[in-house]
Amino acid sequence: MDQQIQSQFGAVARNYIHSPVHAYGPDLAELVEAIGARGDEVVLDLGTGVGHTAFAVAPRVRAVVGIDLTSEMIEIAREQAAERKIVNVRFLRGDVSELPFPDASFDVATSRYSAHHYHQPRQVVRELARVLRPGGRFVLVDTISPEEPSFDTFINAVELLRDRSHVRDYRVSEWQAMLSQAGFSSEVLKRWDLRQNFDDWVKRMRTPEVAVTMLRSLLLEAPEEIRRIFGVEIEEGKLFFFLKRAMIVGQRGG
C-alpha cells in the first residue's frame, strides 16, 4: 500500500498546488479556527501533501511539522515554503502510522483530505494519542461515507475505481469510535456536501480512460436514491456529483 500511494501521488503531486478543493476550500479557514490557537502551539499536519494546511496554520502558531509518505509532495511543500518565506514550518517524509516523534511532542494535530488513504487508521489515532500532549487537539477534515451500508458501499467503490490508493471513506461513527478507543472525546463540528465536476475530479488523479468510462456509468446508472443522495446530475453537458465531508475535533484526555 505504501508503494501504491507513492506511485499514485508522486505522478500527480504538482496537480495539488492549485487544486481548488485543496488550496482554496473554505473549510481550510474553518479548520484553522477550530484549532483555537493561542500562538505558542506546535502543530503536526498528517498527510500534509504540498503543504496547504501547514501554510494556513503557520501564522497562528509557533511551529508546524508536516509529514507525508510521498517524496514528491514533500519536495514541493519545501519549495513552496521557501518561495513564500514561511520559516516556522518543516516537512519530512514518513508514515503516519509510525510517527517518528517522542511522546507528548505536539499541542495540535491536523489531517485534511488524507485520512481516507490511511490503511491503519486505528494505529494512526493511537499514535496521535501518544505524540499529543494531555488536552491536545486533533482536527480532522475528510470525505466520509453515509451511515447507510448501501450508500457506503457505493461511494467507496466509486472512490477506489477513480484512485487505486484509496482505502476507505470512513463513517463519522467509525471515526468517533476510533477516537474514543484511543482516549479522545470528539465532536462533529460540521458536515457538508462538496460538489465535484466529474471531469476535473478524474483529471486531477489521471484516472485511466477505461475507469473513467466505468465511473461515469456507475454514477449515471445508479439507483435513483443513490443519485439523489450524491447529487448526481448533468448540467450544461457536464457531470456533477457530491462527495460528503465532515470536520471532527478530538480532544485527548489528560
Protein backbone atom coordinates (compact mmCIF):
# COMPACT_ATOMS: atom_id res chain seq x y z
CA MET A 1 0.00 0.00 0.00
CA ASP A 2 2.85 2.42 0.81
CA GLN A 3 4.37 1.86 -2.64
CA GLN A 4 0.96 2.30 -4.26
CA ILE A 5 0.40 5.65 -2.52
CA GLN A 6 3.86 6.90 -3.51
CA SER A 7 3.39 5.76 -7.10
CA GLN A 8 -0.07 7.26 -7.41
CA PHE A 9 0.60 10.62 -5.81
CA GLY A 10 4.18 11.07 -6.94
CA ALA A 11 2.96 11.30 -10.53
CA VAL A 12 0.28 13.90 -9.80
CA ALA A 13 1.84 15.88 -6.95
CA ARG A 14 2.02 19.19 -8.84
CA ASN A 15 -1.70 18.98 -9.66
CA TYR A 16 -2.36 19.69 -5.99
CA ILE A 17 -0.58 23.05 -5.84
CA HIS A 18 -3.57 24.88 -7.36
CA SER A 19 -6.34 22.32 -6.82
CA PRO A 20 -9.34 24.47 -5.76
CA VAL A 21 -10.56 21.95 -3.17
CA HIS A 22 -7.16 21.57 -1.51
CA ALA A 23 -5.73 25.07 -1.91
CA TYR A 24 -8.74 27.34 -1.54
CA GLY A 25 -11.63 25.41 0.04
CA PRO A 26 -13.47 27.44 2.73
CA ASP A 27 -13.06 24.55 5.16
CA LEU A 28 -9.34 25.40 5.33
CA ALA A 29 -10.07 28.63 7.21
CA GLU A 30 -12.61 26.80 9.37
CA LEU A 31 -10.00 24.18 10.26
CA VAL A 32 -7.60 26.92 11.33
CA GLU A 33 -10.29 28.43 13.57
CA ALA A 34 -11.10 25.00 15.04
CA ILE A 35 -7.55 24.72 16.33
CA GLY A 36 -8.26 27.57 18.76
CA ALA A 37 -4.65 28.71 18.55
CA ARG A 38 -3.11 30.95 21.21
CA GLY A 39 0.13 31.39 19.29
CA ASP A 40 2.52 29.12 21.16
CA GLU A 41 1.38 25.74 19.80
CA VAL A 42 3.48 23.17 17.98
CA VAL A 43 1.32 21.53 15.30
CA LEU A 44 1.64 18.25 13.41
CA ASP A 45 -0.02 18.06 9.99
CA LEU A 46 -0.65 14.48 8.88
CA GLY A 47 -0.71 13.69 5.15
CA THR A 48 0.45 17.23 4.53
CA GLY A 49 0.67 16.85 0.74
CA VAL A 50 2.06 20.05 -0.79
CA GLY A 51 1.55 21.89 2.50
CA HIS A 52 -1.74 23.79 2.16
CA THR A 53 -2.90 23.11 5.73
CA ALA A 54 0.55 23.65 7.22
CA PHE A 55 0.86 27.03 5.49
CA ALA A 56 -2.63 28.11 6.59
CA VAL A 57 -1.92 27.21 10.21
CA ALA A 58 1.63 28.58 10.40
CA PRO A 59 0.81 32.29 11.01
CA ARG A 60 -1.27 31.36 14.07
CA VAL A 61 1.18 29.06 15.90
CA ARG A 62 4.81 28.70 16.95
CA ALA A 63 5.78 25.86 14.62
CA VAL A 64 4.30 23.31 12.21
CA VAL A 65 5.68 19.95 11.14
CA GLY A 66 4.16 18.38 8.02
CA ILE A 67 4.57 14.67 7.34
CA ASP A 68 3.68 12.77 4.18
CA LEU A 69 4.55 9.43 2.62
CA THR A 70 5.10 10.80 -0.89
CA SER A 71 8.57 12.21 -1.54
CA GLU A 72 7.40 14.41 -4.43
CA MET A 73 4.75 16.03 -2.24
CA ILE A 74 7.36 16.83 0.44
CA GLU A 75 9.75 18.30 -2.12
CA ILE A 76 7.03 20.59 -3.47
CA ALA A 77 5.98 21.62 0.05
CA ARG A 78 9.57 22.61 0.83
CA GLU A 79 9.77 24.59 -2.43
CA GLN A 80 6.53 26.37 -1.58
CA ALA A 81 7.73 27.21 1.93
CA ALA A 82 10.91 28.74 0.52
CA GLU A 83 9.02 30.73 -2.13
CA ARG A 84 6.56 32.05 0.46
CA LYS A 85 9.34 32.69 3.01
CA ILE A 86 7.46 30.74 5.70
CA VAL A 87 10.15 29.88 8.23
CA ASN A 88 8.22 28.14 11.03
CA VAL A 89 7.29 25.05 9.01
CA ARG A 90 9.30 21.97 8.18
CA PHE A 91 8.38 18.93 6.14
CA LEU A 92 9.52 15.34 6.35
CA ARG A 93 8.71 12.07 4.67
CA GLY A 94 7.21 9.48 6.99
CA ASP A 95 4.45 7.02 7.77
CA VAL A 96 1.61 8.47 9.83
CA SER A 97 1.02 5.09 11.47
CA GLU A 98 4.59 5.10 12.86
CA LEU A 99 5.24 8.72 13.79
CA PRO A 100 8.96 9.46 14.29
CA PHE A 101 8.44 11.75 17.28
CA PRO A 102 8.79 11.43 21.07
CA ASP A 103 5.74 11.19 23.31
CA ALA A 104 3.86 14.43 24.03
CA SER A 105 5.67 16.40 21.29
CA PHE A 106 2.70 18.37 19.92
CA ASP A 107 -0.20 20.52 21.09
CA VAL A 108 -2.35 20.06 17.99
CA ALA A 109 -2.58 17.62 15.07
CA THR A 110 -4.44 18.15 11.80
CA SER A 111 -5.43 15.92 8.90
CA ARG A 112 -7.17 17.36 5.85
CA TYR A 113 -8.26 15.18 2.92
CA SER A 114 -5.68 12.49 3.58
CA ALA A 115 -7.27 10.14 6.13
CA HIS A 116 -9.16 8.11 3.52
CA HIS A 117 -5.72 6.83 2.44
CA TYR A 118 -4.78 5.55 5.92
CA HIS A 119 -4.55 1.78 5.78
CA GLN A 120 -4.24 1.57 9.58
CA PRO A 121 -6.44 4.39 10.90
CA ARG A 122 -6.74 2.94 14.41
CA GLN A 123 -2.97 2.80 14.65
CA VAL A 124 -2.75 6.39 13.39
CA VAL A 125 -5.17 7.56 16.09
CA ARG A 126 -3.21 5.63 18.76
CA GLU A 127 -0.02 7.31 17.54
CA LEU A 128 -1.74 10.69 17.79
CA ALA A 129 -2.73 9.93 21.37
CA ARG A 130 0.95 9.21 22.05
CA VAL A 131 2.51 12.28 20.43
CA LEU A 132 -0.11 14.81 21.58
CA ARG A 133 0.23 16.38 24.99
CA PRO A 134 -2.60 15.86 27.52
CA GLY A 135 -5.51 18.02 26.40
CA GLY A 136 -4.11 18.17 22.87
CA ARG A 137 -6.49 18.59 19.96
CA PHE A 138 -6.87 16.67 16.70
CA VAL A 139 -8.77 18.40 13.88
CA LEU A 140 -9.84 16.07 11.08
CA VAL A 141 -11.40 17.13 7.76
CA ASP A 142 -12.10 14.36 5.29
CA THR A 143 -14.51 12.72 2.92
CA ILE A 144 -16.94 10.45 4.74
CA SER A 145 -19.41 7.70 3.94
CA PRO A 146 -23.08 7.84 4.89
CA GLU A 147 -24.09 5.53 7.71
CA GLU A 148 -26.41 3.56 5.38
CA PRO A 149 -24.41 0.46 4.25
CA SER A 150 -25.53 0.54 0.61
CA PHE A 151 -24.56 4.21 0.22
CA ASP A 152 -21.26 3.47 1.97
CA THR A 153 -20.51 0.61 -0.42
CA PHE A 154 -21.39 2.69 -3.47
CA ILE A 155 -19.22 5.71 -2.73
CA ASN A 156 -16.20 3.65 -1.68
CA ALA A 157 -16.45 1.64 -4.89
CA VAL A 158 -16.52 4.91 -6.86
CA GLU A 159 -13.55 6.33 -4.92
CA LEU A 160 -11.45 3.18 -5.36
CA LEU A 161 -12.13 2.98 -9.08
CA ARG A 162 -11.00 6.57 -9.51
CA ASP A 163 -7.92 6.22 -7.24
CA ARG A 164 -6.31 2.84 -6.54
CA SER A 165 -4.56 4.23 -3.43
CA HIS A 166 -7.94 4.97 -1.81
CA VAL A 167 -8.59 2.85 1.28
CA ARG A 168 -11.92 3.98 2.70
CA ASP A 169 -14.17 6.96 3.30
CA TYR A 170 -14.98 6.15 6.93
CA ARG A 171 -18.31 6.87 8.52
CA VAL A 172 -18.46 9.55 11.20
CA SER A 173 -19.49 6.86 13.68
CA GLU A 174 -16.33 4.90 12.81
CA TRP A 175 -14.08 7.92 13.40
CA GLN A 176 -15.74 8.67 16.71
CA ALA A 177 -15.36 5.06 17.83
CA MET A 178 -11.66 5.03 16.89
CA LEU A 179 -11.07 8.29 18.73
CA SER A 180 -12.91 7.10 21.82
CA GLN A 181 -10.93 3.87 21.93
CA ALA A 182 -7.69 5.90 21.88
CA GLY A 183 -8.78 8.15 24.75
CA PHE A 184 -10.20 11.12 22.84
CA SER A 185 -13.53 12.82 23.33
CA SER A 186 -14.90 14.02 20.00
CA GLU A 187 -17.34 16.45 18.42
CA VAL A 188 -18.58 16.81 14.86
CA LEU A 189 -18.23 20.50 14.06
CA LYS A 190 -19.58 20.40 10.53
CA ARG A 191 -20.93 18.18 7.76
CA TRP A 192 -21.31 19.34 4.18
CA ASP A 193 -21.62 18.19 0.57
CA LEU A 194 -18.88 19.30 -1.78
CA ARG A 195 -19.94 19.43 -5.41
CA GLN A 196 -17.46 17.84 -7.80
CA ASN A 197 -17.01 18.48 -11.50
CA PHE A 198 -16.51 14.88 -12.64
CA ASP A 199 -14.06 15.73 -15.42
CA ASP A 200 -11.82 17.77 -13.11
CA TRP A 201 -12.05 15.12 -10.40
CA VAL A 202 -10.74 12.29 -12.59
CA LYS A 203 -8.23 14.51 -14.40
CA ARG A 204 -6.54 15.50 -11.13
CA MET A 205 -5.80 11.83 -10.40
CA ARG A 206 -5.05 10.88 -14.04
CA THR A 207 -7.64 8.12 -13.80
CA PRO A 208 -7.30 5.71 -16.78
CA GLU A 209 -9.89 6.23 -19.51
CA VAL A 210 -11.39 2.77 -19.08
CA ALA A 211 -12.03 3.55 -15.40
CA VAL A 212 -13.43 6.99 -16.27
CA THR A 213 -16.00 5.33 -18.54
CA MET A 214 -16.96 2.89 -15.81
CA LEU A 215 -17.24 5.67 -13.23
CA ARG A 216 -19.49 7.75 -15.45
CA SER A 217 -21.78 4.75 -15.93
CA LEU A 218 -21.80 3.94 -12.22
CA LEU A 219 -22.91 7.45 -11.33
CA LEU A 220 -25.46 7.94 -14.09
CA GLU A 221 -26.99 4.47 -13.85
CA ALA A 222 -27.09 4.23 -10.06
CA PRO A 223 -30.48 3.73 -8.36
CA GLU A 224 -32.50 6.92 -8.02
CA GLU A 225 -31.99 7.16 -4.25
CA ILE A 226 -28.21 6.95 -4.59
CA ARG A 227 -28.22 9.57 -7.35
CA ARG A 228 -30.28 11.83 -5.08
CA ILE A 229 -28.04 11.31 -2.03
CA PHE A 230 -24.90 12.10 -4.02
CA GLY A 231 -26.42 14.87 -6.14
CA VAL A 232 -25.68 13.22 -9.48
CA GLU A 233 -26.79 15.45 -12.36
CA ILE A 234 -25.88 16.67 -15.82
CA GLU A 235 -25.60 20.44 -16.16
CA GLU A 236 -24.74 22.07 -19.49
CA GLY A 237 -23.44 18.74 -20.71
CA LYS A 238 -21.14 18.19 -17.72
CA LEU A 239 -21.48 15.58 -14.98
CA PHE A 240 -21.55 16.74 -11.35
CA PHE A 241 -21.95 14.90 -8.05
CA PHE A 242 -21.39 15.39 -4.33
CA LEU A 243 -18.75 13.95 -2.04
CA LYS A 244 -19.72 14.13 1.62
CA ARG A 245 -17.33 15.75 4.09
CA ALA A 246 -17.08 16.27 7.83
CA MET A 247 -14.95 18.16 10.32
CA ILE A 248 -14.38 16.24 13.53
CA VAL A 249 -12.42 17.50 16.54
CA GLY A 250 -10.91 15.08 19.03
CA GLN A 251 -9.65 16.15 22.45
CA ARG A 252 -7.02 13.97 24.13
CA GLY A 253 -7.74 13.12 27.74
CA GLY A 254 -5.46 14.41 30.48
